[in-house]
PDB file of N, CA and C in Angstrom:
ATOM      1  N   UNK A   1     126.062 105.865 118.647  1.00  0.00           N
ATOM      2  CA  UNK A   1     125.025 106.221 117.690  1.00  0.00           C
ATOM      3  C   UNK A   1     124.186 107.341 118.293  1.00  0.00           C
ATOM      4  N   UNK A   2     123.835 108.311 117.503  1.00  0.00           N
ATOM      5  CA  UNK A   2     123.050 109.439 117.988  1.00  0.00           C
ATOM      6  C   UNK A   2     121.564 109.156 117.855  1.00  0.00           C
ATOM      7  N   UNK A   3     120.758 109.874 118.607  1.00  0.00           N
ATOM      8  CA  UNK A   3     119.314 109.699 118.581  1.00  0.00           C
ATOM      9  C   UNK A   3     118.672 110.070 117.260  1.00  0.00           C
ATOM     10  N   UNK A   4     119.316 110.892 116.457  1.00  0.00           N
ATOM     11  CA  UNK A   4     118.757 111.301 115.174  1.00  0.00           C
ATOM     12  C   UNK A   4     119.394 110.504 114.041  1.00  0.00           C
ATOM     13  N   UNK A   5     119.515 109.207 114.209  1.00  0.00           N
ATOM     14  CA  UNK A   5     120.166 108.361 113.216  1.00  0.00           C
ATOM     15  C   UNK A   5     119.444 108.390 111.882  1.00  0.00           C
ATOM     16  N   UNK A   6     118.156 108.663 111.876  1.00  0.00           N
ATOM     17  CA  UNK A   6     117.416 108.709 110.623  1.00  0.00           C
ATOM     18  C   UNK A   6     117.953 109.806 109.706  1.00  0.00           C
ATOM     19  N   UNK A   7     118.652 110.789 110.254  1.00  0.00           N
ATOM     20  CA  UNK A   7     119.156 111.912 109.473  1.00  0.00           C
ATOM     21  C   UNK A   7     120.599 111.725 109.026  1.00  0.00           C
ATOM     22  N   UNK A   8     121.220 110.633 109.414  1.00  0.00           N
ATOM     23  CA  UNK A   8     122.627 110.396 109.085  1.00  0.00           C
ATOM     24  C   UNK A   8     122.743 109.197 108.162  1.00  0.00           C
ATOM     25  N   UNK A   9     123.164 109.448 106.936  1.00  0.00           N
ATOM     26  CA  UNK A   9     123.356 108.352 105.983  1.00  0.00           C
ATOM     27  C   UNK A   9     124.748 107.796 106.189  1.00  0.00           C
ATOM     28  N   UNK A  10     124.847 106.551 106.672  1.00  0.00           N
ATOM     29  CA  UNK A  10     126.125 105.939 107.012  1.00  0.00           C
ATOM     30  C   UNK A  10     126.234 104.599 106.293  1.00  0.00           C
ATOM     31  N   UNK A  11     127.378 104.360 105.669  1.00  0.00           N
ATOM     32  CA  UNK A  11     127.629 103.067 105.034  1.00  0.00           C
ATOM     33  C   UNK A  11     128.319 102.155 106.037  1.00  0.00           C
ATOM     34  N   UNK A  12     127.727 101.002 106.273  1.00  0.00           N
ATOM     35  CA  UNK A  12     128.305 100.017 107.195  1.00  0.00           C
ATOM     36  C   UNK A  12     128.279  98.643 106.532  1.00  0.00           C
ATOM     37  N   UNK A  13     128.940  97.687 107.150  1.00  0.00           N
ATOM     38  CA  UNK A  13     128.966  96.323 106.614  1.00  0.00           C
ATOM     39  C   UNK A  13     127.621  95.642 106.846  1.00  0.00           C
ATOM     40  N   UNK A  14     127.321  94.627 106.052  1.00  0.00           N
ATOM     41  CA  UNK A  14     126.008  93.977 106.037  1.00  0.00           C
ATOM     42  C   UNK A  14     125.480  93.558 107.413  1.00  0.00           C
ATOM     43  N   UNK A  15     126.232  92.844 108.248  1.00  0.00           N
ATOM     44  CA  UNK A  15     125.664  92.437 109.540  1.00  0.00           C
ATOM     45  C   UNK A  15     125.262  93.633 110.408  1.00  0.00           C
ATOM     46  N   UNK A  16     126.043  94.697 110.333  1.00  0.00           N
ATOM     47  CA  UNK A  16     125.729  95.893 111.124  1.00  0.00           C
ATOM     48  C   UNK A  16     124.472  96.553 110.575  1.00  0.00           C
ATOM     49  N   UNK A  17     124.315  96.589 109.239  1.00  0.00           N
ATOM     50  CA  UNK A  17     123.103  97.158 108.641  1.00  0.00           C
ATOM     51  C   UNK A  17     121.857  96.459 109.150  1.00  0.00           C
ATOM     52  N   UNK A  18     121.895  95.147 109.222  1.00  0.00           N
ATOM     53  CA  UNK A  18     120.748  94.375 109.710  1.00  0.00           C
ATOM     54  C   UNK A  18     120.441  94.745 111.157  1.00  0.00           C
ATOM     55  N   UNK A  19     121.460  94.813 111.987  1.00  0.00           N
ATOM     56  CA  UNK A  19     121.263  95.172 113.390  1.00  0.00           C
ATOM     57  C   UNK A  19     120.664  96.581 113.504  1.00  0.00           C
ATOM     58  N   UNK A  20     121.182  97.514 112.729  1.00  0.00           N
ATOM     59  CA  UNK A  20     120.674  98.887 112.779  1.00  0.00           C
ATOM     60  C   UNK A  20     119.209  98.950 112.354  1.00  0.00           C
ATOM     61  N   UNK A  21     118.826  98.146 111.355  1.00  0.00           N
ATOM     62  CA  UNK A  21     117.424  98.104 110.934  1.00  0.00           C
ATOM     63  C   UNK A  21     116.537  97.555 112.042  1.00  0.00           C
ATOM     64  N   UNK A  22     116.990  96.499 112.686  1.00  0.00           N
ATOM     65  CA  UNK A  22     116.196  95.867 113.742  1.00  0.00           C
ATOM     66  C   UNK A  22     115.937  96.833 114.893  1.00  0.00           C
ATOM     67  N   UNK A  23     116.947  97.608 115.270  1.00  0.00           N
ATOM     68  CA  UNK A  23     116.781  98.527 116.402  1.00  0.00           C
ATOM     69  C   UNK A  23     116.255  99.893 115.968  1.00  0.00           C
ATOM     70  N   UNK A  24     116.045 100.083 114.675  1.00  0.00           N
ATOM     71  CA  UNK A  24     115.424 101.311 114.199  1.00  0.00           C
ATOM     72  C   UNK A  24     116.356 102.472 113.940  1.00  0.00           C
ATOM     73  N   UNK A  25     117.662 102.231 113.832  1.00  0.00           N
ATOM     74  CA  UNK A  25     118.632 103.295 113.561  1.00  0.00           C
ATOM     75  C   UNK A  25     119.010 103.297 112.087  1.00  0.00           C
ATOM     76  N   UNK A  26     118.057 103.588 111.235  1.00  0.00           N
ATOM     77  CA  UNK A  26     118.345 103.617 109.809  1.00  0.00           C
ATOM     78  C   UNK A  26     118.015 104.984 109.234  1.00  0.00           C
ATOM     79  N   UNK A  27     118.634 105.288 108.125  1.00  0.00           N
ATOM     80  CA  UNK A  27     118.408 106.556 107.430  1.00  0.00           C
ATOM     81  C   UNK A  27     117.036 106.549 106.789  1.00  0.00           C
ATOM     82  N   UNK A  28     116.315 107.646 106.935  1.00  0.00           N
ATOM     83  CA  UNK A  28     115.002 107.801 106.317  1.00  0.00           C
ATOM     84  C   UNK A  28     114.992 109.165 105.637  1.00  0.00           C
ATOM     85  N   UNK A  29     115.030 109.159 104.307  1.00  0.00           N
ATOM     86  CA  UNK A  29     115.219 110.391 103.543  1.00  0.00           C
ATOM     87  C   UNK A  29     114.188 111.473 103.888  1.00  0.00           C
ATOM     88  N   UNK A  30     112.907 111.135 103.880  1.00  0.00           N
ATOM     89  CA  UNK A  30     111.869 112.134 104.138  1.00  0.00           C
ATOM     90  C   UNK A  30     111.993 112.710 105.548  1.00  0.00           C
ATOM     91  N   UNK A  31     112.255 111.854 106.523  1.00  0.00           N
ATOM     92  CA  UNK A  31     112.417 112.325 107.902  1.00  0.00           C
ATOM     93  C   UNK A  31     113.664 113.187 108.039  1.00  0.00           C
ATOM     94  N   UNK A  32     114.733 112.824 107.327  1.00  0.00           N
ATOM     95  CA  UNK A  32     115.970 113.603 107.389  1.00  0.00           C
ATOM     96  C   UNK A  32     115.762 114.990 106.793  1.00  0.00           C
ATOM     97  N   UNK A  33     115.092 115.071 105.650  1.00  0.00           N
ATOM     98  CA  UNK A  33     114.820 116.366 105.023  1.00  0.00           C
ATOM     99  C   UNK A  33     113.984 117.244 105.955  1.00  0.00           C
ATOM    100  N   UNK A  34     112.960 116.671 106.570  1.00  0.00           N
ATOM    101  CA  UNK A  34     112.109 117.423 107.496  1.00  0.00           C
ATOM    102  C   UNK A  34     112.906 117.879 108.714  1.00  0.00           C
ATOM    103  N   UNK A  35     113.747 117.004 109.245  1.00  0.00           N
ATOM    104  CA  UNK A  35     114.551 117.350 110.427  1.00  0.00           C
ATOM    105  C   UNK A  35     115.515 118.488 110.127  1.00  0.00           C
ATOM    106  N   UNK A  36     116.210 118.419 108.979  1.00  0.00           N
ATOM    107  CA  UNK A  36     117.148 119.489 108.632  1.00  0.00           C
ATOM    108  C   UNK A  36     116.413 120.806 108.420  1.00  0.00           C
ATOM    109  N   UNK A  37     115.225 120.752 107.808  1.00  0.00           N
ATOM    110  CA  UNK A  37     114.432 121.967 107.613  1.00  0.00           C
ATOM    111  C   UNK A  37     114.067 122.581 108.957  1.00  0.00           C
ATOM    112  N   UNK A  38     113.650 121.752 109.902  1.00  0.00           N
ATOM    113  CA  UNK A  38     113.277 122.241 111.229  1.00  0.00           C
ATOM    114  C   UNK A  38     114.469 122.802 112.005  1.00  0.00           C
ATOM    115  N   UNK A  39     115.606 122.121 111.907  1.00  0.00           N
ATOM    116  CA  UNK A  39     116.808 122.574 112.616  1.00  0.00           C
ATOM    117  C   UNK A  39     117.259 123.929 112.090  1.00  0.00           C
ATOM    118  N   UNK A  40     117.347 124.049 110.767  1.00  0.00           N
ATOM    119  CA  UNK A  40     117.801 125.321 110.215  1.00  0.00           C
ATOM    120  C   UNK A  40     116.799 126.436 110.471  1.00  0.00           C
ATOM    121  N   UNK A  41     115.527 126.117 110.486  1.00  0.00           N
ATOM    122  CA  UNK A  41     114.505 127.113 110.808  1.00  0.00           C
ATOM    123  C   UNK A  41     114.647 127.572 112.260  1.00  0.00           C
ATOM    124  N   UNK A  42     114.845 126.631 113.181  1.00  0.00           N
ATOM    125  CA  UNK A  42     115.032 126.952 114.595  1.00  0.00           C
ATOM    126  C   UNK A  42     116.255 127.838 114.783  1.00  0.00           C
ATOM    127  N   UNK A  43     117.371 127.448 114.159  1.00  0.00           N
ATOM    128  CA  UNK A  43     118.589 128.248 114.275  1.00  0.00           C
ATOM    129  C   UNK A  43     118.376 129.655 113.720  1.00  0.00           C
ATOM    130  N   UNK A  44     117.698 129.748 112.579  1.00  0.00           N
ATOM    131  CA  UNK A  44     117.439 131.045 111.987  1.00  0.00           C
ATOM    132  C   UNK A  44     116.595 131.934 112.880  1.00  0.00           C
ATOM    133  N   UNK A  45     115.678 131.316 113.599  1.00  0.00           N
ATOM    134  CA  UNK A  45     114.789 132.080 114.480  1.00  0.00           C
ATOM    135  C   UNK A  45     115.452 132.451 115.802  1.00  0.00           C
ATOM    136  N   UNK A  46     116.226 131.557 116.384  1.00  0.00           N
ATOM    137  CA  UNK A  46     116.723 131.745 117.747  1.00  0.00           C
ATOM    138  C   UNK A  46     118.195 132.127 117.863  1.00  0.00           C
ATOM    139  N   UNK A  47     118.969 132.002 116.796  1.00  0.00           N
ATOM    140  CA  UNK A  47     120.396 132.268 116.908  1.00  0.00           C
ATOM    141  C   UNK A  47     120.855 133.474 116.091  1.00  0.00           C
ATOM    142  N   UNK A  48     119.925 134.287 115.668  1.00  0.00           N
ATOM    143  CA  UNK A  48     120.307 135.494 114.938  1.00  0.00           C
ATOM    144  C   UNK A  48     120.865 136.525 115.899  1.00  0.00           C
ATOM    145  N   UNK A  49     121.803 137.309 115.406  1.00  0.00           N
ATOM    146  CA  UNK A  49     122.333 138.393 116.223  1.00  0.00           C
ATOM    147  C   UNK A  49     121.306 139.514 116.255  1.00  0.00           C
ATOM    148  N   UNK A  50     121.154 140.143 117.415  1.00  0.00           N
ATOM    149  CA  UNK A  50     120.220 141.258 117.481  1.00  0.00           C
ATOM    150  C   UNK A  50     120.677 142.401 116.576  1.00  0.00           C
ATOM    151  N   UNK A  51     119.731 143.127 116.042  1.00  0.00           N
ATOM    152  CA  UNK A  51     120.063 144.252 115.182  1.00  0.00           C
ATOM    153  C   UNK A  51     120.731 145.349 115.994  1.00  0.00           C
ATOM    154  N   UNK A  52     121.728 145.983 115.397  1.00  0.00           N
ATOM    155  CA  UNK A  52     122.421 147.094 116.078  1.00  0.00           C
ATOM    156  C   UNK A  52     121.549 148.347 116.005  1.00  0.00           C
ATOM    157  N   UNK A  53     121.456 149.045 117.102  1.00  0.00           N
ATOM    158  CA  UNK A  53     120.692 150.301 117.042  1.00  0.00           C
ATOM    159  C   UNK A  53     121.434 151.327 116.188  1.00  0.00           C
ATOM    160  N   UNK A  54     120.716 152.071 115.396  1.00  0.00           N
ATOM    161  CA  UNK A  54     121.367 153.088 114.574  1.00  0.00           C
ATOM    162  C   UNK A  54     121.532 154.363 115.388  1.00  0.00           C
ATOM    163  N   UNK A  55     122.636 155.028 115.238  1.00  0.00           N
ATOM    164  CA  UNK A  55     122.905 156.275 115.994  1.00  0.00           C
ATOM    165  C   UNK A  55     122.762 157.468 115.108  1.00  0.00           C
TER     166      UNK A  55
END
């Protein structure tokens, strides 16, 4: 299980769902939306290719 489990919507069997809830590894829609927004913003800021100099 990854540390960002709140962002991963996973279907599991009932006993596993209960265990995941108890340990806090459940999907949370608002947190997932915020996390994806932050990740894509970070990538957009830090992983862009530098502009080519014009000759």
